Amino acid sequence: MSEDAAFDDLMARLRRGEPDAAAQVFHRYAQRLIALARGRLSGRLRQKVDPEDVLQSVYRSFFSRHAGGEIDLADWDSLWSLLTVLTVRKCGKWADRFRAGKRALDAEAPAGDAAAWEALARGPTPPEAAMLAEAVEQLLNGVQGRERAVVELALQGAPVEEISARVGRTRRTVQRVLQRVKEVLQRQGDGAGPPPAG
């Protein structure tokens, strides 16, 4: 079967609603469209809109229009062209949406902070991860037993109730431990150093 015949057959199956045809179209272009959306969305906008959400919206529009007979495509190139146009337009609509009124991204952070937003959007580099591990170890230095477990669970984002249940301490005790650690951190941040021993 020629490539044109294969394309026509796929489009016919897609119009009939065959899931494997939709999956074939989806997988053929998904990664390229995600990369395109990522390139079209600014760093701060990617904090609000995931490129994969754009991809889902593009395919939702394409599949519904195609099923309704609104789209007549000649070949793979015309399909790719249509999907890229849809992706670019949807990225533009998201940008317009967040520039308008109360959603304005510029109101959330100064434009000069783009590098800071990019840094937050990515994971830590190996040196940053090493520094973080060292800072956590310094924080936990001198904290032993169940108190150490309390701090470790809090650093993992566990709520007080869960920490209390997991370490077998009352909620009030967990809160006291966390308050002490917070006070130590504040003193270190103020340059006062750790509390005197004894």
N, C-alpha and C. Protein backbone atom coordinates (compact mmCIF):
# COMPACT_ATOMS: atom_id res chain seq x y z
N MET A 1 0.85 -1.18 0.00
CA MET A 1 0.00 0.00 0.00
C MET A 1 0.90 1.24 0.00
N SER A 2 0.63 2.19 -0.89
CA SER A 2 1.43 3.41 -0.95
C SER A 2 1.18 4.26 0.28
N GLU A 3 2.10 5.23 0.49
CA GLU A 3 1.96 6.09 1.67
C GLU A 3 0.67 6.91 1.59
N ASP A 4 0.32 7.39 0.39
CA ASP A 4 -0.92 8.16 0.23
C ASP A 4 -2.14 7.30 0.53
N ALA A 5 -2.13 6.05 0.04
CA ALA A 5 -3.26 5.14 0.28
C ALA A 5 -3.35 4.82 1.77
N ALA A 6 -2.19 4.63 2.41
CA ALA A 6 -2.18 4.33 3.84
C ALA A 6 -2.74 5.52 4.62
N PHE A 7 -2.38 6.74 4.20
CA PHE A 7 -2.89 7.93 4.86
C PHE A 7 -4.41 8.03 4.70
N ASP A 8 -4.89 7.82 3.47
CA ASP A 8 -6.34 7.89 3.21
C ASP A 8 -7.09 6.85 4.03
N ASP A 9 -6.52 5.64 4.12
CA ASP A 9 -7.14 4.57 4.91
C ASP A 9 -7.21 4.97 6.39
N LEU A 10 -6.10 5.54 6.90
CA LEU A 10 -6.08 5.96 8.30
C LEU A 10 -7.12 7.04 8.57
N MET A 11 -7.23 8.02 7.67
CA MET A 11 -8.21 9.09 7.86
C MET A 11 -9.65 8.55 7.82
N ALA A 12 -9.88 7.56 6.95
CA ALA A 12 -11.20 6.94 6.89
C ALA A 12 -11.52 6.21 8.19
N ARG A 13 -10.53 5.47 8.70
CA ARG A 13 -10.74 4.77 9.97
C ARG A 13 -10.93 5.75 11.12
N LEU A 14 -10.21 6.85 11.07
CA LEU A 14 -10.34 7.88 12.10
C LEU A 14 -11.75 8.48 12.07
N ARG A 15 -12.26 8.72 10.88
CA ARG A 15 -13.61 9.29 10.75
C ARG A 15 -14.67 8.32 11.28
N ARG A 16 -14.39 7.03 11.17
CA ARG A 16 -15.33 6.02 11.71
C ARG A 16 -15.21 5.88 13.22
N GLY A 17 -14.22 6.56 13.80
CA GLY A 17 -14.07 6.53 15.25
C GLY A 17 -13.28 5.36 15.78
N GLU A 18 -12.41 4.77 14.97
CA GLU A 18 -11.61 3.64 15.42
C GLU A 18 -10.49 4.13 16.33
N PRO A 19 -10.47 3.65 17.59
CA PRO A 19 -9.48 4.13 18.57
C PRO A 19 -8.03 3.93 18.14
N ASP A 20 -7.73 2.81 17.45
CA ASP A 20 -6.34 2.58 17.06
C ASP A 20 -5.87 3.60 16.03
N ALA A 21 -6.79 4.10 15.21
CA ALA A 21 -6.43 5.14 14.23
C ALA A 21 -6.09 6.44 14.96
N ALA A 22 -6.90 6.78 15.96
CA ALA A 22 -6.63 7.99 16.75
C ALA A 22 -5.29 7.86 17.48
N ALA A 23 -5.03 6.68 18.02
CA ALA A 23 -3.77 6.46 18.72
C ALA A 23 -2.58 6.60 17.77
N GLN A 24 -2.73 6.11 16.55
CA GLN A 24 -1.64 6.21 15.58
C GLN A 24 -1.34 7.67 15.26
N VAL A 25 -2.37 8.47 15.05
CA VAL A 25 -2.17 9.90 14.77
C VAL A 25 -1.55 10.57 15.99
N PHE A 26 -2.07 10.26 17.16
CA PHE A 26 -1.57 10.87 18.39
C PHE A 26 -0.08 10.60 18.56
N HIS A 27 0.32 9.35 18.50
CA HIS A 27 1.71 8.98 18.78
C HIS A 27 2.68 9.45 17.69
N ARG A 28 2.19 9.58 16.48
CA ARG A 28 3.08 10.00 15.39
C ARG A 28 3.63 11.41 15.63
N TYR A 29 2.81 12.30 16.21
CA TYR A 29 3.22 13.69 16.33
C TYR A 29 3.33 14.22 17.76
N ALA A 30 2.97 13.44 18.75
CA ALA A 30 2.87 13.95 20.13
C ALA A 30 4.14 14.64 20.61
N GLN A 31 5.28 13.98 20.51
CA GLN A 31 6.51 14.56 21.05
C GLN A 31 6.91 15.84 20.33
N ARG A 32 6.74 15.86 19.01
CA ARG A 32 7.09 17.06 18.25
C ARG A 32 6.17 18.22 18.61
N LEU A 33 4.90 17.94 18.84
CA LEU A 33 3.96 19.01 19.19
C LEU A 33 4.21 19.51 20.61
N ILE A 34 4.58 18.63 21.52
CA ILE A 34 4.93 19.06 22.88
C ILE A 34 6.14 19.98 22.83
N ALA A 35 7.14 19.61 22.03
CA ALA A 35 8.33 20.45 21.89
C ALA A 35 7.97 21.81 21.29
N LEU A 36 7.08 21.81 20.31
CA LEU A 36 6.64 23.07 19.70
C LEU A 36 5.93 23.93 20.73
N ALA A 37 5.02 23.34 21.50
CA ALA A 37 4.29 24.10 22.52
C ALA A 37 5.24 24.63 23.58
N ARG A 38 6.20 23.82 23.99
CA ARG A 38 7.18 24.26 25.00
C ARG A 38 7.95 25.48 24.50
N GLY A 39 8.29 25.47 23.22
CA GLY A 39 9.02 26.60 22.64
C GLY A 39 8.17 27.85 22.50
N ARG A 40 6.87 27.68 22.36
CA ARG A 40 5.98 28.83 22.16
C ARG A 40 5.50 29.43 23.49
N LEU A 41 5.59 28.69 24.58
CA LEU A 41 5.15 29.18 25.88
C LEU A 41 6.35 29.73 26.64
N SER A 42 6.25 30.95 27.13
CA SER A 42 7.35 31.53 27.90
C SER A 42 7.52 30.75 29.20
N GLY A 43 8.67 30.96 29.85
CA GLY A 43 8.95 30.25 31.10
C GLY A 43 7.88 30.49 32.15
N ARG A 44 7.44 31.75 32.30
CA ARG A 44 6.42 32.04 33.31
C ARG A 44 5.07 31.46 32.91
N LEU A 45 4.78 31.45 31.63
CA LEU A 45 3.51 30.89 31.18
C LEU A 45 3.49 29.38 31.40
N ARG A 46 4.66 28.73 31.27
CA ARG A 46 4.71 27.29 31.52
C ARG A 46 4.45 26.95 32.98
N GLN A 47 4.53 27.96 33.88
CA GLN A 47 4.14 27.74 35.27
C GLN A 47 2.62 27.56 35.38
N LYS A 48 1.90 28.09 34.40
CA LYS A 48 0.44 28.04 34.42
C LYS A 48 -0.13 26.98 33.46
N VAL A 49 0.56 26.76 32.34
CA VAL A 49 0.05 25.88 31.30
C VAL A 49 1.12 24.87 30.94
N ASP A 50 0.79 23.61 31.04
CA ASP A 50 1.72 22.56 30.68
C ASP A 50 1.63 22.30 29.17
N PRO A 51 2.76 22.14 28.48
CA PRO A 51 2.71 21.84 27.04
C PRO A 51 1.86 20.60 26.72
N GLU A 52 1.81 19.65 27.64
CA GLU A 52 0.99 18.46 27.39
C GLU A 52 -0.50 18.79 27.43
N ASP A 53 -0.88 19.81 28.21
CA ASP A 53 -2.28 20.25 28.20
C ASP A 53 -2.62 20.88 26.85
N VAL A 54 -1.67 21.63 26.29
CA VAL A 54 -1.87 22.20 24.96
C VAL A 54 -2.04 21.07 23.95
N LEU A 55 -1.19 20.05 24.04
CA LEU A 55 -1.28 18.90 23.13
C LEU A 55 -2.66 18.25 23.20
N GLN A 56 -3.15 18.04 24.40
CA GLN A 56 -4.48 17.42 24.55
C GLN A 56 -5.56 18.27 23.91
N SER A 57 -5.46 19.58 24.09
CA SER A 57 -6.44 20.49 23.51
C SER A 57 -6.38 20.47 21.98
N VAL A 58 -5.16 20.43 21.44
CA VAL A 58 -4.98 20.37 19.98
C VAL A 58 -5.65 19.12 19.43
N TYR A 59 -5.36 17.98 20.02
CA TYR A 59 -5.93 16.74 19.52
C TYR A 59 -7.45 16.68 19.71
N ARG A 60 -7.92 17.23 20.81
CA ARG A 60 -9.37 17.25 21.03
C ARG A 60 -10.04 18.03 19.90
N SER A 61 -9.49 19.20 19.56
CA SER A 61 -10.05 20.01 18.47
C SER A 61 -9.96 19.27 17.14
N PHE A 62 -8.78 18.71 16.88
CA PHE A 62 -8.60 18.02 15.60
C PHE A 62 -9.56 16.85 15.46
N PHE A 63 -9.62 15.98 16.47
CA PHE A 63 -10.46 14.79 16.37
C PHE A 63 -11.94 15.15 16.22
N SER A 64 -12.40 16.14 16.96
CA SER A 64 -13.83 16.48 16.85
C SER A 64 -14.15 17.11 15.50
N ARG A 65 -13.26 17.97 14.99
CA ARG A 65 -13.50 18.58 13.67
C ARG A 65 -13.42 17.53 12.56
N HIS A 66 -12.46 16.62 12.69
CA HIS A 66 -12.31 15.59 11.66
C HIS A 66 -13.53 14.67 11.65
N ALA A 67 -13.99 14.28 12.83
CA ALA A 67 -15.18 13.41 12.91
C ALA A 67 -16.40 14.11 12.33
N GLY A 68 -16.46 15.44 12.46
CA GLY A 68 -17.60 16.19 11.93
C GLY A 68 -17.48 16.51 10.45
N GLY A 69 -16.41 16.04 9.80
CA GLY A 69 -16.24 16.27 8.37
C GLY A 69 -15.79 17.67 8.01
N GLU A 70 -15.30 18.43 8.99
CA GLU A 70 -14.87 19.80 8.73
C GLU A 70 -13.47 19.87 8.14
N ILE A 71 -12.71 18.77 8.22
CA ILE A 71 -11.31 18.78 7.79
C ILE A 71 -11.13 17.74 6.69
N ASP A 72 -10.49 18.18 5.60
CA ASP A 72 -10.17 17.27 4.50
C ASP A 72 -8.68 17.42 4.22
N LEU A 73 -7.91 16.40 4.55
CA LEU A 73 -6.46 16.46 4.44
C LEU A 73 -5.97 15.58 3.30
N ALA A 74 -4.90 16.04 2.63
CA ALA A 74 -4.38 15.31 1.47
C ALA A 74 -3.33 14.29 1.84
N ASP A 75 -2.48 14.62 2.85
CA ASP A 75 -1.37 13.72 3.15
C ASP A 75 -0.82 14.03 4.54
N TRP A 76 0.27 13.30 4.91
CA TRP A 76 0.87 13.49 6.23
C TRP A 76 1.36 14.92 6.42
N ASP A 77 1.92 15.51 5.38
CA ASP A 77 2.42 16.89 5.50
C ASP A 77 1.30 17.87 5.83
N SER A 78 0.14 17.68 5.19
CA SER A 78 -0.98 18.59 5.47
C SER A 78 -1.51 18.38 6.89
N LEU A 79 -1.45 17.13 7.38
CA LEU A 79 -1.87 16.87 8.75
C LEU A 79 -0.90 17.55 9.73
N TRP A 80 0.40 17.41 9.49
CA TRP A 80 1.39 18.04 10.35
C TRP A 80 1.21 19.56 10.33
N SER A 81 0.99 20.14 9.17
CA SER A 81 0.79 21.59 9.06
C SER A 81 -0.41 22.04 9.88
N LEU A 82 -1.51 21.30 9.76
CA LEU A 82 -2.71 21.65 10.52
C LEU A 82 -2.46 21.57 12.02
N LEU A 83 -1.81 20.49 12.47
CA LEU A 83 -1.56 20.33 13.90
C LEU A 83 -0.63 21.41 14.43
N THR A 84 0.36 21.82 13.64
CA THR A 84 1.25 22.89 14.10
C THR A 84 0.51 24.22 14.19
N VAL A 85 -0.36 24.49 13.23
CA VAL A 85 -1.15 25.73 13.28
C VAL A 85 -2.04 25.73 14.52
N LEU A 86 -2.71 24.61 14.78
CA LEU A 86 -3.56 24.51 15.97
C LEU A 86 -2.75 24.74 17.24
N THR A 87 -1.55 24.15 17.30
CA THR A 87 -0.70 24.28 18.49
C THR A 87 -0.29 25.73 18.70
N VAL A 88 0.17 26.38 17.65
CA VAL A 88 0.60 27.78 17.75
C VAL A 88 -0.56 28.66 18.18
N ARG A 89 -1.73 28.45 17.60
CA ARG A 89 -2.91 29.26 17.96
C ARG A 89 -3.31 29.04 19.41
N LYS A 90 -3.29 27.80 19.86
CA LYS A 90 -3.69 27.53 21.24
C LYS A 90 -2.69 28.13 22.22
N CYS A 91 -1.40 28.07 21.90
CA CYS A 91 -0.40 28.71 22.76
C CYS A 91 -0.64 30.22 22.81
N GLY A 92 -0.98 30.80 21.66
CA GLY A 92 -1.28 32.24 21.62
C GLY A 92 -2.50 32.59 22.45
N LYS A 93 -3.52 31.74 22.41
CA LYS A 93 -4.73 32.00 23.21
C LYS A 93 -4.41 31.93 24.70
N TRP A 94 -3.58 30.95 25.10
CA TRP A 94 -3.20 30.87 26.51
C TRP A 94 -2.42 32.12 26.92
N ALA A 95 -1.51 32.56 26.06
CA ALA A 95 -0.73 33.76 26.38
C ALA A 95 -1.64 34.97 26.52
N ASP A 96 -2.61 35.11 25.61
CA ASP A 96 -3.56 36.22 25.69
C ASP A 96 -4.39 36.14 26.97
N ARG A 97 -4.81 34.93 27.30
CA ARG A 97 -5.64 34.75 28.50
C ARG A 97 -4.92 35.21 29.76
N PHE A 98 -3.64 34.87 29.88
CA PHE A 98 -2.92 35.22 31.09
C PHE A 98 -2.34 36.64 31.06
N ARG A 99 -2.41 37.29 29.91
CA ARG A 99 -2.02 38.70 29.85
C ARG A 99 -3.19 39.60 30.23
N ALA A 100 -4.38 39.09 30.20
CA ALA A 100 -5.59 39.89 30.41
C ALA A 100 -5.93 40.02 31.89
N GLY A 101 -6.38 41.18 32.27
CA GLY A 101 -6.97 41.44 33.58
C GLY A 101 -6.20 40.90 34.75
N LYS A 102 -6.92 40.25 35.63
CA LYS A 102 -6.35 39.79 36.89
C LYS A 102 -5.36 38.65 36.71
N ARG A 103 -5.41 37.98 35.55
CA ARG A 103 -4.51 36.86 35.35
C ARG A 103 -3.15 37.30 34.82
N ALA A 104 -2.96 38.60 34.63
CA ALA A 104 -1.73 39.08 34.00
C ALA A 104 -0.49 38.53 34.68
N LEU A 105 0.34 37.86 33.90
CA LEU A 105 1.57 37.29 34.46
C LEU A 105 2.50 38.40 34.92
N ASP A 106 2.47 39.54 34.24
CA ASP A 106 3.35 40.63 34.62
C ASP A 106 3.00 41.17 36.01
N ALA A 107 1.73 41.00 36.42
CA ALA A 107 1.33 41.46 37.75
C ALA A 107 1.84 40.51 38.82
N GLU A 108 2.14 39.26 38.43
CA GLU A 108 2.59 38.27 39.40
C GLU A 108 4.08 38.39 39.71
N ALA A 109 4.87 38.80 38.74
CA ALA A 109 6.31 38.93 38.96
C ALA A 109 6.89 39.88 37.94
N PRO A 110 7.89 40.66 38.32
CA PRO A 110 8.50 41.57 37.38
C PRO A 110 9.11 40.83 36.20
N ALA A 111 9.09 41.48 35.02
CA ALA A 111 9.60 40.84 33.81
C ALA A 111 11.06 40.46 33.96
N GLY A 112 11.82 41.19 34.75
CA GLY A 112 13.23 40.90 34.93
C GLY A 112 13.48 39.61 35.69
N ASP A 113 12.45 39.01 36.24
CA ASP A 113 12.62 37.79 37.03
C ASP A 113 12.46 36.52 36.20
N ALA A 114 12.54 36.63 34.87
CA ALA A 114 12.35 35.45 34.02
C ALA A 114 13.35 34.36 34.37
N ALA A 115 14.60 34.74 34.63
CA ALA A 115 15.62 33.73 34.96
C ALA A 115 15.26 33.01 36.26
N ALA A 116 14.71 33.76 37.22
CA ALA A 116 14.33 33.13 38.49
C ALA A 116 13.19 32.13 38.26
N TRP A 117 12.23 32.49 37.41
CA TRP A 117 11.13 31.57 37.11
C TRP A 117 11.66 30.32 36.44
N GLU A 118 12.61 30.50 35.49
CA GLU A 118 13.20 29.34 34.82
C GLU A 118 13.89 28.43 35.82
N ALA A 119 14.59 29.03 36.78
CA ALA A 119 15.30 28.24 37.78
C ALA A 119 14.32 27.43 38.63
N LEU A 120 13.17 28.04 38.95
CA LEU A 120 12.17 27.31 39.73
C LEU A 120 11.52 26.20 38.94
N ALA A 121 11.41 26.39 37.62
CA ALA A 121 10.71 25.43 36.79
C ALA A 121 11.51 24.14 36.59
N ARG A 122 12.83 24.23 36.68
CA ARG A 122 13.65 23.04 36.45
C ARG A 122 14.02 22.40 37.78
N GLY A 123 14.50 21.18 37.73
CA GLY A 123 14.98 20.52 38.93
C GLY A 123 16.34 21.07 39.30
N PRO A 124 16.85 20.73 40.48
CA PRO A 124 18.16 21.24 40.89
C PRO A 124 19.27 20.59 40.07
N THR A 125 20.32 21.37 39.85
CA THR A 125 21.51 20.82 39.19
C THR A 125 22.23 19.95 40.22
N PRO A 126 23.17 19.09 39.81
CA PRO A 126 23.90 18.28 40.79
C PRO A 126 24.57 19.11 41.89
N PRO A 127 25.23 20.25 41.56
CA PRO A 127 25.81 21.04 42.65
C PRO A 127 24.75 21.61 43.60
N GLU A 128 23.60 22.03 43.03
CA GLU A 128 22.52 22.55 43.89
C GLU A 128 21.96 21.45 44.78
N ALA A 129 21.82 20.25 44.23
CA ALA A 129 21.31 19.12 45.01
C ALA A 129 22.28 18.78 46.15
N ALA A 130 23.58 18.86 45.86
CA ALA A 130 24.58 18.58 46.89
C ALA A 130 24.52 19.63 48.00
N MET A 131 24.37 20.91 47.61
CA MET A 131 24.26 21.98 48.60
C MET A 131 23.01 21.81 49.46
N LEU A 132 21.90 21.42 48.80
CA LEU A 132 20.66 21.20 49.54
C LEU A 132 20.82 20.05 50.53
N ALA A 133 21.45 18.96 50.07
CA ALA A 133 21.65 17.80 50.96
C ALA A 133 22.51 18.21 52.16
N GLU A 134 23.53 19.03 51.91
CA GLU A 134 24.40 19.49 53.00
C GLU A 134 23.63 20.37 53.97
N ALA A 135 22.78 21.26 53.42
CA ALA A 135 22.00 22.15 54.29
C ALA A 135 21.02 21.35 55.15
N VAL A 136 20.39 20.33 54.54
CA VAL A 136 19.46 19.48 55.31
C VAL A 136 20.21 18.73 56.39
N GLU A 137 21.41 18.24 56.06
CA GLU A 137 22.19 17.50 57.06
C GLU A 137 22.59 18.41 58.22
N GLN A 138 22.96 19.65 57.91
CA GLN A 138 23.28 20.61 58.97
C GLN A 138 22.05 20.89 59.83
N LEU A 139 20.91 21.00 59.18
CA LEU A 139 19.66 21.25 59.90
C LEU A 139 19.37 20.10 60.86
N LEU A 140 19.63 18.87 60.41
CA LEU A 140 19.31 17.69 61.21
C LEU A 140 20.41 17.34 62.21
N ASN A 141 21.56 18.03 62.12
CA ASN A 141 22.67 17.77 63.04
C ASN A 141 22.21 18.05 64.47
N GLY A 142 22.34 17.09 65.32
CA GLY A 142 21.93 17.25 66.71
C GLY A 142 20.49 16.87 66.97
N VAL A 143 19.72 16.60 65.92
CA VAL A 143 18.33 16.16 66.09
C VAL A 143 18.34 14.64 65.96
N GLN A 144 17.89 13.96 66.98
CA GLN A 144 17.99 12.50 67.03
C GLN A 144 16.61 11.84 67.17
N GLY A 145 16.60 10.55 66.94
CA GLY A 145 15.43 9.72 67.21
C GLY A 145 14.16 10.17 66.53
N ARG A 146 13.08 10.19 67.31
CA ARG A 146 11.78 10.52 66.74
C ARG A 146 11.70 11.98 66.30
N GLU A 147 12.47 12.86 66.97
CA GLU A 147 12.48 14.26 66.55
C GLU A 147 13.06 14.39 65.14
N ARG A 148 14.08 13.62 64.85
CA ARG A 148 14.67 13.64 63.50
C ARG A 148 13.64 13.16 62.49
N ALA A 149 12.91 12.10 62.84
CA ALA A 149 11.88 11.58 61.95
C ALA A 149 10.81 12.64 61.69
N VAL A 150 10.46 13.42 62.73
CA VAL A 150 9.47 14.50 62.58
C VAL A 150 9.95 15.49 61.53
N VAL A 151 11.21 15.93 61.65
CA VAL A 151 11.74 16.93 60.72
C VAL A 151 11.84 16.36 59.32
N GLU A 152 12.30 15.13 59.19
CA GLU A 152 12.42 14.51 57.86
C GLU A 152 11.07 14.41 57.18
N LEU A 153 10.05 14.00 57.92
CA LEU A 153 8.70 13.90 57.33
C LEU A 153 8.16 15.28 56.95
N ALA A 154 8.44 16.28 57.78
CA ALA A 154 7.98 17.64 57.46
C ALA A 154 8.66 18.15 56.19
N LEU A 155 9.95 17.84 56.03
CA LEU A 155 10.67 18.25 54.82
C LEU A 155 10.12 17.56 53.58
N GLN A 156 9.51 16.39 53.77
CA GLN A 156 8.91 15.68 52.65
C GLN A 156 7.49 16.18 52.36
N GLY A 157 7.00 17.11 53.17
CA GLY A 157 5.69 17.70 52.93
C GLY A 157 4.54 17.03 53.66
N ALA A 158 4.83 16.14 54.60
CA ALA A 158 3.76 15.46 55.33
C ALA A 158 3.08 16.44 56.29
N PRO A 159 1.76 16.38 56.39
CA PRO A 159 1.05 17.24 57.34
C PRO A 159 1.27 16.77 58.78
N VAL A 160 1.02 17.66 59.74
CA VAL A 160 1.27 17.38 61.15
C VAL A 160 0.55 16.12 61.61
N GLU A 161 -0.71 15.94 61.20
CA GLU A 161 -1.48 14.77 61.62
C GLU A 161 -0.81 13.47 61.19
N GLU A 162 -0.30 13.44 59.95
CA GLU A 162 0.35 12.24 59.44
C GLU A 162 1.66 11.99 60.19
N ILE A 163 2.42 13.06 60.43
CA ILE A 163 3.68 12.92 61.16
C ILE A 163 3.41 12.36 62.54
N SER A 164 2.39 12.91 63.21
CA SER A 164 2.03 12.47 64.56
C SER A 164 1.73 10.97 64.58
N ALA A 165 0.95 10.52 63.60
CA ALA A 165 0.59 9.10 63.55
C ALA A 165 1.80 8.23 63.24
N ARG A 166 2.67 8.69 62.36
CA ARG A 166 3.79 7.86 61.92
C ARG A 166 4.90 7.75 62.98
N VAL A 167 5.11 8.80 63.77
CA VAL A 167 6.20 8.74 64.76
C VAL A 167 5.70 8.40 66.16
N GLY A 168 4.39 8.33 66.32
CA GLY A 168 3.84 7.97 67.63
C GLY A 168 3.97 9.07 68.67
N ARG A 169 3.90 10.32 68.23
CA ARG A 169 3.94 11.47 69.15
C ARG A 169 2.66 12.25 68.98
N THR A 170 2.30 13.02 70.01
CA THR A 170 1.08 13.82 69.92
C THR A 170 1.28 14.93 68.89
N ARG A 171 0.17 15.43 68.45
CA ARG A 171 0.19 16.54 67.47
C ARG A 171 0.92 17.74 68.07
N ARG A 172 0.65 18.00 69.33
CA ARG A 172 1.28 19.14 70.01
C ARG A 172 2.79 18.97 70.09
N THR A 173 3.26 17.76 70.35
CA THR A 173 4.70 17.51 70.41
C THR A 173 5.34 17.74 69.04
N VAL A 174 4.68 17.25 68.00
CA VAL A 174 5.19 17.45 66.63
C VAL A 174 5.30 18.94 66.33
N GLN A 175 4.27 19.70 66.70
CA GLN A 175 4.30 21.15 66.46
C GLN A 175 5.43 21.83 67.23
N ARG A 176 5.68 21.37 68.48
CA ARG A 176 6.77 21.95 69.27
C ARG A 176 8.12 21.67 68.63
N VAL A 177 8.32 20.44 68.15
CA VAL A 177 9.59 20.09 67.48
C VAL A 177 9.79 20.97 66.26
N LEU A 178 8.76 21.11 65.47
CA LEU A 178 8.87 21.92 64.25
C LEU A 178 9.10 23.39 64.58
N GLN A 179 8.49 23.87 65.65
CA GLN A 179 8.70 25.26 66.07
C GLN A 179 10.15 25.48 66.49
N ARG A 180 10.72 24.52 67.25
CA ARG A 180 12.13 24.64 67.67
C ARG A 180 13.06 24.70 66.45
N VAL A 181 12.80 23.83 65.48
CA VAL A 181 13.62 23.81 64.27
C VAL A 181 13.48 25.14 63.52
N LYS A 182 12.28 25.65 63.46
CA LYS A 182 12.04 26.94 62.80
C LYS A 182 12.82 28.05 63.49
N GLU A 183 12.85 28.04 64.81
CA GLU A 183 13.59 29.07 65.55
C GLU A 183 15.08 28.97 65.29
N VAL A 184 15.60 27.73 65.20
CA VAL A 184 17.02 27.54 64.90
C VAL A 184 17.33 28.10 63.52
N LEU A 185 16.46 27.80 62.54
CA LEU A 185 16.66 28.30 61.19
C LEU A 185 16.63 29.83 61.14
N GLN A 186 15.70 30.43 61.90
CA GLN A 186 15.62 31.89 61.93
C GLN A 186 16.89 32.49 62.53
N ARG A 187 17.41 31.89 63.59
CA ARG A 187 18.64 32.39 64.20
C ARG A 187 19.81 32.28 63.22
N GLN A 188 19.86 31.14 62.50
CA GLN A 188 20.93 30.96 61.51
C GLN A 188 20.80 31.97 60.39
N GLY A 189 19.57 32.26 59.99
CA GLY A 189 19.34 33.25 58.95
C GLY A 189 19.70 34.65 59.38
N ASP A 190 19.56 34.93 60.67
CA ASP A 190 19.91 36.25 61.21
C ASP A 190 21.40 36.35 61.53
N GLY A 191 22.12 35.25 61.35
CA GLY A 191 23.56 35.25 61.62
C GLY A 191 23.89 35.06 63.09
N ALA A 192 22.91 34.68 63.90
CA ALA A 192 23.15 34.50 65.32
C ALA A 192 23.78 33.16 65.64
N GLY A 193 23.73 32.22 64.67
CA GLY A 193 24.34 30.92 64.90
C GLY A 193 23.44 30.05 65.76
N PRO A 194 23.89 28.84 66.05
CA PRO A 194 23.06 27.92 66.84
C PRO A 194 22.97 28.35 68.27
N PRO A 195 21.95 27.88 68.99
CA PRO A 195 21.80 28.26 70.39
C PRO A 195 22.95 27.69 71.20
N PRO A 196 23.30 28.35 72.31
CA PRO A 196 24.40 27.83 73.13
C PRO A 196 24.05 26.46 73.69
N ALA A 197 25.06 25.62 73.82
CA ALA A 197 24.85 24.26 74.34
C ALA A 197 24.57 24.34 75.82
N GLY A 198 23.81 23.37 76.28
CA GLY A 198 23.58 23.28 77.72
C GLY A 198 22.21 23.67 77.97
